[in-house]
Amino acid sequence: STPTSKDQIDGVRPVNCVPASGSLFPVGTTQVTCTATDASGNTGTRTFPVTVVNLTPPTFDWSGILQPINADGSSVFKLSSVVPVKFKLVGASAGITNLVATLTVAKFSNNIFGSDQEASSPGQADAGNVFRYDPAADQYIFNLSTKPLSAGSWRLTIDLGDGIPHYVYISLKP
């Protein structure tokens, strides 16, 4: 709305604001200063903050799933093994090392669809479902324990926090 000023003698007076009313403000806080002058030359000034918050989640450029998981769903792992789920941030997102990415695992089918037997990782499984950043490899990793899972095909959903789910399928066999 347009700001107004009222003088006891002169009544309503025009107000000049910088930035002007109706201006587009950048994300963050901008100070607005408004000034009004009465017919006698008396000037009143007020400054107030306008805060704009961007509620749109950021989007991230990523490498896609990295080995040992094949992006085409052909990877088969031994049941009760540890599967390293890995990805990198690339492009404009490459320098981000504190991303909170999560992994969700859901049974897709009792059938095994994959055909490429992958080597199991000797590493220890990670607890929870949050990826960790590995600075030596410049990648995010989650070591998935398949012990609580059953034979069949599983959908892994990687959530980078940008509202865009990323899926990959793996098969597990005894």
N, C-alpha and C. Protein backbone atom coordinates (compact mmCIF):
# COMPACT_ATOMS: atom_id res chain seq x y z
N SER A 1 0.84 -1.18 0.00
CA SER A 1 0.00 0.00 0.00
C SER A 1 0.88 1.24 0.00
N THR A 2 0.29 2.33 -0.40
CA THR A 2 1.01 3.60 -0.47
C THR A 2 1.04 4.23 0.92
N PRO A 3 2.22 4.62 1.40
CA PRO A 3 2.30 5.25 2.72
C PRO A 3 1.66 6.64 2.70
N THR A 4 1.15 7.05 3.86
CA THR A 4 0.54 8.38 3.97
C THR A 4 1.10 9.09 5.20
N SER A 5 0.93 10.40 5.20
CA SER A 5 1.34 11.22 6.33
C SER A 5 0.21 12.20 6.61
N LYS A 6 0.00 12.50 7.89
CA LYS A 6 -1.06 13.44 8.25
C LYS A 6 -0.49 14.48 9.20
N ASP A 7 -0.65 15.74 8.83
CA ASP A 7 -0.20 16.87 9.63
C ASP A 7 -1.43 17.46 10.33
N GLN A 8 -1.28 17.92 11.59
CA GLN A 8 -2.43 18.46 12.32
C GLN A 8 -3.02 19.70 11.67
N ILE A 9 -2.20 20.47 10.97
CA ILE A 9 -2.69 21.69 10.33
C ILE A 9 -2.98 21.47 8.85
N ASP A 10 -2.04 20.84 8.16
CA ASP A 10 -2.15 20.69 6.70
C ASP A 10 -2.94 19.45 6.27
N GLY A 11 -3.24 18.54 7.20
CA GLY A 11 -3.96 17.32 6.82
C GLY A 11 -3.02 16.31 6.18
N VAL A 12 -3.58 15.54 5.26
CA VAL A 12 -2.80 14.48 4.60
C VAL A 12 -1.77 15.10 3.67
N ARG A 13 -0.54 14.61 3.77
CA ARG A 13 0.57 15.13 2.95
C ARG A 13 1.19 13.98 2.15
N PRO A 14 1.76 14.27 0.99
CA PRO A 14 2.42 13.22 0.21
C PRO A 14 3.69 12.73 0.92
N VAL A 15 4.00 11.47 0.69
CA VAL A 15 5.18 10.85 1.29
C VAL A 15 6.08 10.35 0.17
N ASN A 16 7.37 10.56 0.33
CA ASN A 16 8.35 10.07 -0.64
C ASN A 16 9.19 8.99 0.05
N CYS A 17 9.19 7.77 -0.51
CA CYS A 17 9.95 6.67 0.08
C CYS A 17 11.03 6.20 -0.89
N VAL A 18 12.16 5.82 -0.31
CA VAL A 18 13.26 5.27 -1.09
C VAL A 18 13.70 3.98 -0.42
N PRO A 19 13.63 2.86 -1.13
CA PRO A 19 13.02 2.62 -2.43
C PRO A 19 11.52 2.92 -2.39
N ALA A 20 10.99 3.25 -3.54
CA ALA A 20 9.60 3.67 -3.65
C ALA A 20 8.63 2.52 -3.39
N SER A 21 7.44 2.89 -2.93
CA SER A 21 6.37 1.91 -2.75
C SER A 21 6.13 1.20 -4.08
N GLY A 22 5.99 -0.12 -4.03
CA GLY A 22 5.79 -0.90 -5.25
C GLY A 22 7.08 -1.43 -5.85
N SER A 23 8.22 -1.04 -5.27
CA SER A 23 9.51 -1.53 -5.78
C SER A 23 9.63 -3.03 -5.54
N LEU A 24 10.43 -3.69 -6.37
CA LEU A 24 10.76 -5.10 -6.15
C LEU A 24 11.98 -5.14 -5.24
N PHE A 25 11.91 -5.92 -4.19
CA PHE A 25 12.99 -6.01 -3.23
C PHE A 25 13.73 -7.32 -3.40
N PRO A 26 15.05 -7.30 -3.22
CA PRO A 26 15.82 -8.54 -3.30
C PRO A 26 15.59 -9.39 -2.05
N VAL A 27 15.99 -10.65 -2.12
CA VAL A 27 15.93 -11.51 -0.95
C VAL A 27 16.87 -10.93 0.11
N GLY A 28 16.39 -10.89 1.34
CA GLY A 28 17.15 -10.30 2.44
C GLY A 28 16.40 -9.11 3.01
N THR A 29 17.11 -8.28 3.75
CA THR A 29 16.50 -7.11 4.39
C THR A 29 16.98 -5.84 3.72
N THR A 30 16.03 -4.98 3.37
CA THR A 30 16.31 -3.68 2.77
C THR A 30 15.71 -2.60 3.66
N GLN A 31 16.47 -1.56 3.94
CA GLN A 31 15.96 -0.44 4.72
C GLN A 31 15.21 0.52 3.79
N VAL A 32 14.00 0.90 4.18
CA VAL A 32 13.19 1.85 3.42
C VAL A 32 13.10 3.12 4.26
N THR A 33 13.37 4.26 3.64
CA THR A 33 13.26 5.55 4.33
C THR A 33 12.17 6.37 3.66
N CYS A 34 11.21 6.81 4.47
CA CYS A 34 10.10 7.62 3.97
C CYS A 34 10.18 9.01 4.60
N THR A 35 9.92 10.02 3.77
CA THR A 35 9.99 11.41 4.21
C THR A 35 8.72 12.13 3.79
N ALA A 36 8.20 12.97 4.70
CA ALA A 36 7.04 13.82 4.40
C ALA A 36 7.34 15.23 4.91
N THR A 37 6.89 16.22 4.15
CA THR A 37 7.11 17.62 4.52
C THR A 37 5.78 18.35 4.52
N ASP A 38 5.54 19.15 5.58
CA ASP A 38 4.28 19.92 5.62
C ASP A 38 4.46 21.26 4.92
N ALA A 39 3.41 22.05 4.86
CA ALA A 39 3.42 23.33 4.14
C ALA A 39 4.39 24.32 4.77
N SER A 40 4.73 24.15 6.04
CA SER A 40 5.66 25.07 6.72
C SER A 40 7.12 24.63 6.55
N GLY A 41 7.35 23.52 5.87
CA GLY A 41 8.72 23.04 5.65
C GLY A 41 9.22 22.10 6.73
N ASN A 42 8.36 21.72 7.67
CA ASN A 42 8.76 20.74 8.69
C ASN A 42 8.80 19.36 8.05
N THR A 43 9.88 18.64 8.29
CA THR A 43 10.06 17.33 7.66
C THR A 43 10.09 16.24 8.72
N GLY A 44 9.40 15.15 8.41
CA GLY A 44 9.43 13.96 9.26
C GLY A 44 9.97 12.79 8.44
N THR A 45 10.83 12.00 9.06
CA THR A 45 11.44 10.87 8.37
C THR A 45 11.33 9.62 9.24
N ARG A 46 11.00 8.52 8.61
CA ARG A 46 10.96 7.23 9.29
C ARG A 46 11.65 6.21 8.40
N THR A 47 12.40 5.32 9.06
CA THR A 47 13.07 4.22 8.35
C THR A 47 12.57 2.91 8.94
N PHE A 48 12.32 1.94 8.06
CA PHE A 48 11.86 0.63 8.52
C PHE A 48 12.42 -0.44 7.60
N PRO A 49 12.56 -1.67 8.13
CA PRO A 49 13.10 -2.75 7.30
C PRO A 49 11.98 -3.47 6.54
N VAL A 50 12.31 -3.89 5.33
CA VAL A 50 11.45 -4.80 4.56
C VAL A 50 12.27 -6.06 4.35
N THR A 51 11.75 -7.19 4.82
CA THR A 51 12.47 -8.46 4.71
C THR A 51 11.76 -9.37 3.72
N VAL A 52 12.52 -9.87 2.76
CA VAL A 52 12.00 -10.81 1.77
C VAL A 52 12.69 -12.15 2.01
N VAL A 53 11.89 -13.20 2.18
CA VAL A 53 12.41 -14.54 2.42
C VAL A 53 12.08 -15.41 1.22
N ASN A 54 13.08 -16.08 0.68
CA ASN A 54 12.87 -17.00 -0.43
C ASN A 54 12.51 -18.36 0.15
N LEU A 55 11.27 -18.79 -0.08
CA LEU A 55 10.81 -20.08 0.43
C LEU A 55 10.98 -21.21 -0.57
N THR A 56 11.49 -20.90 -1.75
CA THR A 56 11.73 -21.93 -2.77
C THR A 56 13.00 -22.69 -2.41
N PRO A 57 12.91 -24.01 -2.26
CA PRO A 57 14.13 -24.75 -1.92
C PRO A 57 15.13 -24.68 -3.07
N PRO A 58 16.42 -24.70 -2.73
CA PRO A 58 17.42 -24.68 -3.79
C PRO A 58 17.41 -26.00 -4.55
N THR A 59 17.91 -25.97 -5.76
CA THR A 59 18.08 -27.21 -6.51
C THR A 59 19.59 -27.47 -6.61
N PHE A 60 19.93 -28.74 -6.69
CA PHE A 60 21.33 -29.12 -6.70
C PHE A 60 21.65 -29.91 -7.97
N ASP A 61 22.83 -29.63 -8.54
CA ASP A 61 23.32 -30.40 -9.67
C ASP A 61 24.09 -31.59 -9.10
N TRP A 62 23.74 -32.79 -9.56
CA TRP A 62 24.40 -33.97 -9.01
C TRP A 62 24.87 -34.88 -10.13
N SER A 63 25.78 -35.78 -9.78
CA SER A 63 26.41 -36.68 -10.74
C SER A 63 25.51 -37.83 -11.16
N GLY A 64 24.45 -38.05 -10.42
CA GLY A 64 23.74 -39.30 -10.54
C GLY A 64 24.41 -40.29 -9.61
N ILE A 65 23.88 -41.48 -9.55
CA ILE A 65 24.43 -42.50 -8.65
C ILE A 65 25.80 -42.94 -9.17
N LEU A 66 26.72 -43.19 -8.27
CA LEU A 66 28.07 -43.61 -8.65
C LEU A 66 28.26 -45.10 -8.37
N GLN A 67 29.30 -45.67 -8.94
CA GLN A 67 29.65 -47.07 -8.73
C GLN A 67 29.91 -47.33 -7.26
N PRO A 68 29.55 -48.47 -6.75
CA PRO A 68 29.31 -49.72 -7.46
C PRO A 68 27.87 -49.95 -7.90
N ILE A 69 27.00 -48.97 -7.76
CA ILE A 69 25.61 -49.14 -8.19
C ILE A 69 25.46 -48.64 -9.62
N ASN A 70 24.88 -49.47 -10.48
CA ASN A 70 24.61 -49.07 -11.86
C ASN A 70 23.30 -48.29 -11.90
N ALA A 71 23.30 -47.17 -12.58
CA ALA A 71 22.11 -46.32 -12.65
C ALA A 71 20.94 -47.00 -13.36
N ASP A 72 21.23 -48.02 -14.18
CA ASP A 72 20.17 -48.68 -14.95
C ASP A 72 19.44 -49.78 -14.18
N GLY A 73 19.77 -49.97 -12.91
CA GLY A 73 19.08 -50.97 -12.10
C GLY A 73 19.60 -52.38 -12.25
N SER A 74 20.75 -52.56 -12.90
CA SER A 74 21.27 -53.90 -13.17
C SER A 74 22.16 -54.46 -12.06
N SER A 75 22.40 -53.69 -11.01
CA SER A 75 23.30 -54.14 -9.95
C SER A 75 22.63 -55.15 -9.02
N VAL A 76 23.36 -56.24 -8.75
CA VAL A 76 22.91 -57.26 -7.81
C VAL A 76 23.98 -57.37 -6.72
N PHE A 77 23.53 -57.28 -5.47
CA PHE A 77 24.42 -57.38 -4.32
C PHE A 77 24.04 -58.58 -3.48
N LYS A 78 25.01 -59.09 -2.75
CA LYS A 78 24.77 -60.22 -1.85
C LYS A 78 23.99 -59.71 -0.64
N LEU A 79 22.94 -60.43 -0.30
CA LEU A 79 22.15 -60.12 0.88
C LEU A 79 23.04 -60.18 2.11
N SER A 80 22.84 -59.31 3.05
CA SER A 80 23.62 -59.18 4.29
C SER A 80 24.96 -58.50 4.07
N SER A 81 25.13 -57.85 2.93
CA SER A 81 26.37 -57.12 2.66
C SER A 81 26.15 -55.63 2.96
N VAL A 82 27.21 -54.86 2.78
CA VAL A 82 27.14 -53.40 2.90
C VAL A 82 27.30 -52.82 1.51
N VAL A 83 26.33 -52.01 1.09
CA VAL A 83 26.33 -51.41 -0.24
C VAL A 83 26.63 -49.91 -0.11
N PRO A 84 27.75 -49.43 -0.67
CA PRO A 84 28.03 -48.01 -0.63
C PRO A 84 27.19 -47.27 -1.68
N VAL A 85 26.34 -46.37 -1.20
CA VAL A 85 25.50 -45.55 -2.08
C VAL A 85 26.21 -44.19 -2.15
N LYS A 86 26.62 -43.80 -3.37
CA LYS A 86 27.47 -42.61 -3.51
C LYS A 86 26.99 -41.70 -4.63
N PHE A 87 27.23 -40.40 -4.43
CA PHE A 87 27.00 -39.40 -5.48
C PHE A 87 27.90 -38.20 -5.21
N LYS A 88 28.05 -37.37 -6.23
CA LYS A 88 28.80 -36.11 -6.10
C LYS A 88 27.88 -34.96 -6.46
N LEU A 89 28.16 -33.80 -5.91
CA LEU A 89 27.53 -32.57 -6.38
C LEU A 89 28.46 -32.00 -7.44
N VAL A 90 27.90 -31.54 -8.54
CA VAL A 90 28.68 -31.08 -9.68
C VAL A 90 28.22 -29.68 -10.10
N GLY A 91 28.92 -29.11 -11.08
CA GLY A 91 28.54 -27.81 -11.61
C GLY A 91 28.53 -26.74 -10.53
N ALA A 92 27.48 -25.93 -10.53
CA ALA A 92 27.36 -24.84 -9.57
C ALA A 92 27.25 -25.34 -8.13
N SER A 93 26.90 -26.61 -7.95
CA SER A 93 26.74 -27.19 -6.60
C SER A 93 28.02 -27.86 -6.09
N ALA A 94 29.07 -27.90 -6.90
CA ALA A 94 30.26 -28.69 -6.59
C ALA A 94 30.93 -28.33 -5.27
N GLY A 95 30.88 -27.11 -4.84
CA GLY A 95 31.57 -26.71 -3.61
C GLY A 95 30.80 -26.96 -2.33
N ILE A 96 29.61 -27.48 -2.43
CA ILE A 96 28.77 -27.67 -1.24
C ILE A 96 29.20 -28.96 -0.53
N THR A 97 29.61 -28.81 0.72
CA THR A 97 30.08 -29.97 1.49
C THR A 97 29.22 -30.26 2.72
N ASN A 98 28.16 -29.48 2.91
CA ASN A 98 27.32 -29.65 4.10
C ASN A 98 25.87 -29.96 3.75
N LEU A 99 25.65 -30.54 2.59
CA LEU A 99 24.30 -30.92 2.16
C LEU A 99 23.75 -31.99 3.10
N VAL A 100 22.47 -31.86 3.45
CA VAL A 100 21.81 -32.89 4.25
C VAL A 100 20.95 -33.71 3.29
N ALA A 101 21.53 -34.79 2.80
CA ALA A 101 20.84 -35.69 1.87
C ALA A 101 20.46 -36.95 2.61
N THR A 102 19.28 -37.49 2.28
CA THR A 102 18.80 -38.68 2.98
C THR A 102 18.52 -39.82 2.00
N LEU A 103 18.52 -41.03 2.53
CA LEU A 103 18.27 -42.23 1.75
C LEU A 103 17.06 -42.95 2.33
N THR A 104 16.13 -43.31 1.45
CA THR A 104 14.97 -44.12 1.83
C THR A 104 15.01 -45.39 1.00
N VAL A 105 14.76 -46.52 1.64
CA VAL A 105 14.82 -47.82 0.97
C VAL A 105 13.43 -48.46 1.04
N ALA A 106 12.92 -48.91 -0.11
CA ALA A 106 11.59 -49.53 -0.15
C ALA A 106 11.62 -50.76 -1.05
N LYS A 107 10.98 -51.82 -0.61
CA LYS A 107 10.91 -53.06 -1.40
C LYS A 107 10.09 -52.78 -2.66
N PHE A 108 10.64 -53.19 -3.80
CA PHE A 108 9.98 -52.98 -5.08
C PHE A 108 9.34 -54.28 -5.58
N SER A 109 10.07 -55.38 -5.42
CA SER A 109 9.59 -56.66 -5.93
C SER A 109 10.35 -57.80 -5.24
N ASN A 110 9.72 -58.96 -5.19
CA ASN A 110 10.42 -60.15 -4.69
C ASN A 110 11.35 -60.74 -5.75
N ASN A 111 11.20 -60.29 -6.99
CA ASN A 111 12.04 -60.78 -8.09
C ASN A 111 13.36 -60.03 -8.13
N ILE A 112 14.36 -60.67 -8.70
CA ILE A 112 15.66 -60.05 -8.91
C ILE A 112 15.73 -59.63 -10.37
N PHE A 113 15.82 -58.33 -10.60
CA PHE A 113 15.83 -57.81 -11.97
C PHE A 113 17.23 -57.55 -12.49
N GLY A 114 18.18 -57.35 -11.60
CA GLY A 114 19.53 -57.05 -12.02
C GLY A 114 20.25 -58.26 -12.57
N SER A 115 21.36 -58.00 -13.29
CA SER A 115 22.15 -59.08 -13.87
C SER A 115 23.64 -58.93 -13.58
N ASP A 116 24.07 -57.78 -13.06
CA ASP A 116 25.49 -57.53 -12.81
C ASP A 116 25.80 -57.76 -11.33
N GLN A 117 26.49 -58.88 -11.05
CA GLN A 117 26.87 -59.17 -9.66
C GLN A 117 27.96 -58.19 -9.24
N GLU A 118 27.68 -57.38 -8.24
CA GLU A 118 28.62 -56.36 -7.77
C GLU A 118 29.37 -56.86 -6.54
N ALA A 119 30.58 -56.37 -6.37
CA ALA A 119 31.36 -56.72 -5.18
C ALA A 119 30.78 -56.01 -3.97
N SER A 120 30.81 -56.68 -2.84
CA SER A 120 30.33 -56.08 -1.60
C SER A 120 31.44 -55.24 -0.98
N SER A 121 31.04 -54.26 -0.21
CA SER A 121 32.00 -53.41 0.47
C SER A 121 32.37 -54.01 1.81
N PRO A 122 33.65 -54.01 2.15
CA PRO A 122 34.05 -54.52 3.46
C PRO A 122 33.79 -53.50 4.57
N GLY A 123 33.35 -52.31 4.21
CA GLY A 123 33.15 -51.24 5.18
C GLY A 123 32.02 -51.50 6.15
N GLN A 124 31.97 -50.66 7.16
CA GLN A 124 30.93 -50.76 8.17
C GLN A 124 29.71 -49.97 7.71
N ALA A 125 28.54 -50.47 8.03
CA ALA A 125 27.30 -49.81 7.65
C ALA A 125 27.12 -48.52 8.45
N ASP A 126 26.47 -47.54 7.83
CA ASP A 126 26.13 -46.29 8.51
C ASP A 126 24.80 -46.45 9.22
N ALA A 127 24.64 -45.78 10.34
CA ALA A 127 23.37 -45.76 11.06
C ALA A 127 22.51 -44.63 10.50
N GLY A 128 21.21 -44.73 10.71
CA GLY A 128 20.31 -43.67 10.26
C GLY A 128 20.09 -43.72 8.78
N ASN A 129 19.89 -42.54 8.17
CA ASN A 129 19.65 -42.48 6.73
C ASN A 129 20.24 -41.23 6.08
N VAL A 130 21.18 -40.56 6.77
CA VAL A 130 21.76 -39.32 6.26
C VAL A 130 23.13 -39.60 5.66
N PHE A 131 23.32 -39.13 4.42
CA PHE A 131 24.62 -39.27 3.76
C PHE A 131 25.66 -38.43 4.50
N ARG A 132 26.91 -38.85 4.41
CA ARG A 132 28.02 -38.06 4.95
C ARG A 132 28.91 -37.65 3.78
N TYR A 133 29.57 -36.52 3.95
CA TYR A 133 30.49 -36.04 2.93
C TYR A 133 31.87 -36.62 3.19
N ASP A 134 32.48 -37.17 2.13
CA ASP A 134 33.83 -37.73 2.20
C ASP A 134 34.75 -36.77 1.45
N PRO A 135 35.51 -35.92 2.16
CA PRO A 135 36.34 -34.92 1.47
C PRO A 135 37.46 -35.54 0.64
N ALA A 136 37.96 -36.70 1.03
CA ALA A 136 39.05 -37.34 0.26
C ALA A 136 38.57 -37.73 -1.13
N ALA A 137 37.34 -38.21 -1.23
CA ALA A 137 36.78 -38.62 -2.52
C ALA A 137 35.90 -37.53 -3.13
N ASP A 138 35.68 -36.44 -2.40
CA ASP A 138 34.82 -35.35 -2.85
C ASP A 138 33.45 -35.88 -3.27
N GLN A 139 32.85 -36.67 -2.39
CA GLN A 139 31.55 -37.26 -2.69
C GLN A 139 30.77 -37.48 -1.40
N TYR A 140 29.49 -37.70 -1.57
CA TYR A 140 28.62 -38.07 -0.46
C TYR A 140 28.45 -39.58 -0.49
N ILE A 141 28.40 -40.19 0.69
CA ILE A 141 28.32 -41.64 0.76
C ILE A 141 27.43 -42.06 1.93
N PHE A 142 26.70 -43.14 1.70
CA PHE A 142 25.97 -43.80 2.77
C PHE A 142 26.20 -45.29 2.60
N ASN A 143 26.77 -45.93 3.61
CA ASN A 143 27.01 -47.37 3.56
C ASN A 143 25.77 -48.08 4.07
N LEU A 144 25.01 -48.65 3.13
CA LEU A 144 23.72 -49.27 3.41
C LEU A 144 23.90 -50.73 3.83
N SER A 145 23.42 -51.05 5.02
CA SER A 145 23.41 -52.44 5.46
C SER A 145 22.20 -53.13 4.84
N THR A 146 22.44 -54.27 4.19
CA THR A 146 21.33 -55.03 3.62
C THR A 146 20.88 -56.15 4.55
N LYS A 147 21.46 -56.24 5.74
CA LYS A 147 21.09 -57.30 6.69
C LYS A 147 19.60 -57.29 7.04
N PRO A 148 18.99 -56.12 7.28
CA PRO A 148 17.57 -56.15 7.63
C PRO A 148 16.64 -56.30 6.41
N LEU A 149 17.21 -56.36 5.22
CA LEU A 149 16.40 -56.45 4.00
C LEU A 149 16.25 -57.91 3.59
N SER A 150 15.42 -58.15 2.58
CA SER A 150 15.19 -59.51 2.08
C SER A 150 15.58 -59.58 0.61
N ALA A 151 15.66 -60.80 0.09
CA ALA A 151 16.00 -60.98 -1.33
C ALA A 151 14.92 -60.34 -2.19
N GLY A 152 15.36 -59.79 -3.33
CA GLY A 152 14.44 -59.14 -4.26
C GLY A 152 15.02 -57.83 -4.76
N SER A 153 14.14 -57.00 -5.31
CA SER A 153 14.57 -55.71 -5.86
C SER A 153 14.07 -54.58 -4.95
N TRP A 154 14.94 -53.60 -4.78
CA TRP A 154 14.69 -52.50 -3.85
C TRP A 154 14.87 -51.17 -4.56
N ARG A 155 14.00 -50.22 -4.21
CA ARG A 155 14.14 -48.85 -4.74
C ARG A 155 14.82 -48.00 -3.68
N LEU A 156 15.93 -47.39 -4.06
CA LEU A 156 16.63 -46.45 -3.20
C LEU A 156 16.24 -45.05 -3.65
N THR A 157 15.74 -44.24 -2.74
CA THR A 157 15.38 -42.86 -3.06
C THR A 157 16.35 -41.94 -2.35
N ILE A 158 17.02 -41.12 -3.14
CA ILE A 158 17.97 -40.15 -2.60
C ILE A 158 17.29 -38.79 -2.64
N ASP A 159 17.19 -38.16 -1.49
CA ASP A 159 16.57 -36.84 -1.36
C ASP A 159 17.65 -35.83 -1.03
N LEU A 160 17.91 -34.92 -1.96
CA LEU A 160 18.93 -33.90 -1.76
C LEU A 160 18.38 -32.67 -1.03
N GLY A 161 17.10 -32.72 -0.68
CA GLY A 161 16.49 -31.59 0.02
C GLY A 161 15.95 -30.52 -0.91
N ASP A 162 15.90 -30.82 -2.20
CA ASP A 162 15.41 -29.83 -3.16
C ASP A 162 14.05 -30.18 -3.74
N GLY A 163 13.40 -31.17 -3.15
CA GLY A 163 12.07 -31.54 -3.62
C GLY A 163 12.06 -32.43 -4.85
N ILE A 164 13.23 -32.83 -5.33
CA ILE A 164 13.32 -33.68 -6.52
C ILE A 164 13.86 -35.05 -6.09
N PRO A 165 13.00 -36.08 -6.03
CA PRO A 165 13.49 -37.40 -5.63
C PRO A 165 14.32 -38.04 -6.74
N HIS A 166 15.38 -38.71 -6.35
CA HIS A 166 16.25 -39.41 -7.30
C HIS A 166 16.20 -40.89 -6.94
N TYR A 167 15.83 -41.72 -7.92
CA TYR A 167 15.63 -43.14 -7.68
C TYR A 167 16.70 -43.97 -8.37
N VAL A 168 17.04 -45.09 -7.73
CA VAL A 168 17.87 -46.11 -8.35
C VAL A 168 17.40 -47.44 -7.77
N TYR A 169 17.50 -48.48 -8.57
CA TYR A 169 17.05 -49.81 -8.14
C TYR A 169 18.25 -50.74 -8.02
N ILE A 170 18.22 -51.56 -6.98
CA ILE A 170 19.22 -52.61 -6.81
C ILE A 170 18.49 -53.91 -6.50
N SER A 171 19.17 -55.02 -6.78
CA SER A 171 18.63 -56.33 -6.41
C SER A 171 19.54 -56.95 -5.36
N LEU A 172 18.92 -57.74 -4.48
CA LEU A 172 19.66 -58.47 -3.45
C LEU A 172 19.35 -59.94 -3.58
N LYS A 173 20.40 -60.77 -3.50
CA LYS A 173 20.17 -62.21 -3.54
C LYS A 173 21.04 -62.88 -2.49
N PRO A 174 20.56 -64.04 -2.01
CA PRO A 174 21.33 -64.75 -0.96
C PRO A 174 22.70 -65.19 -1.46
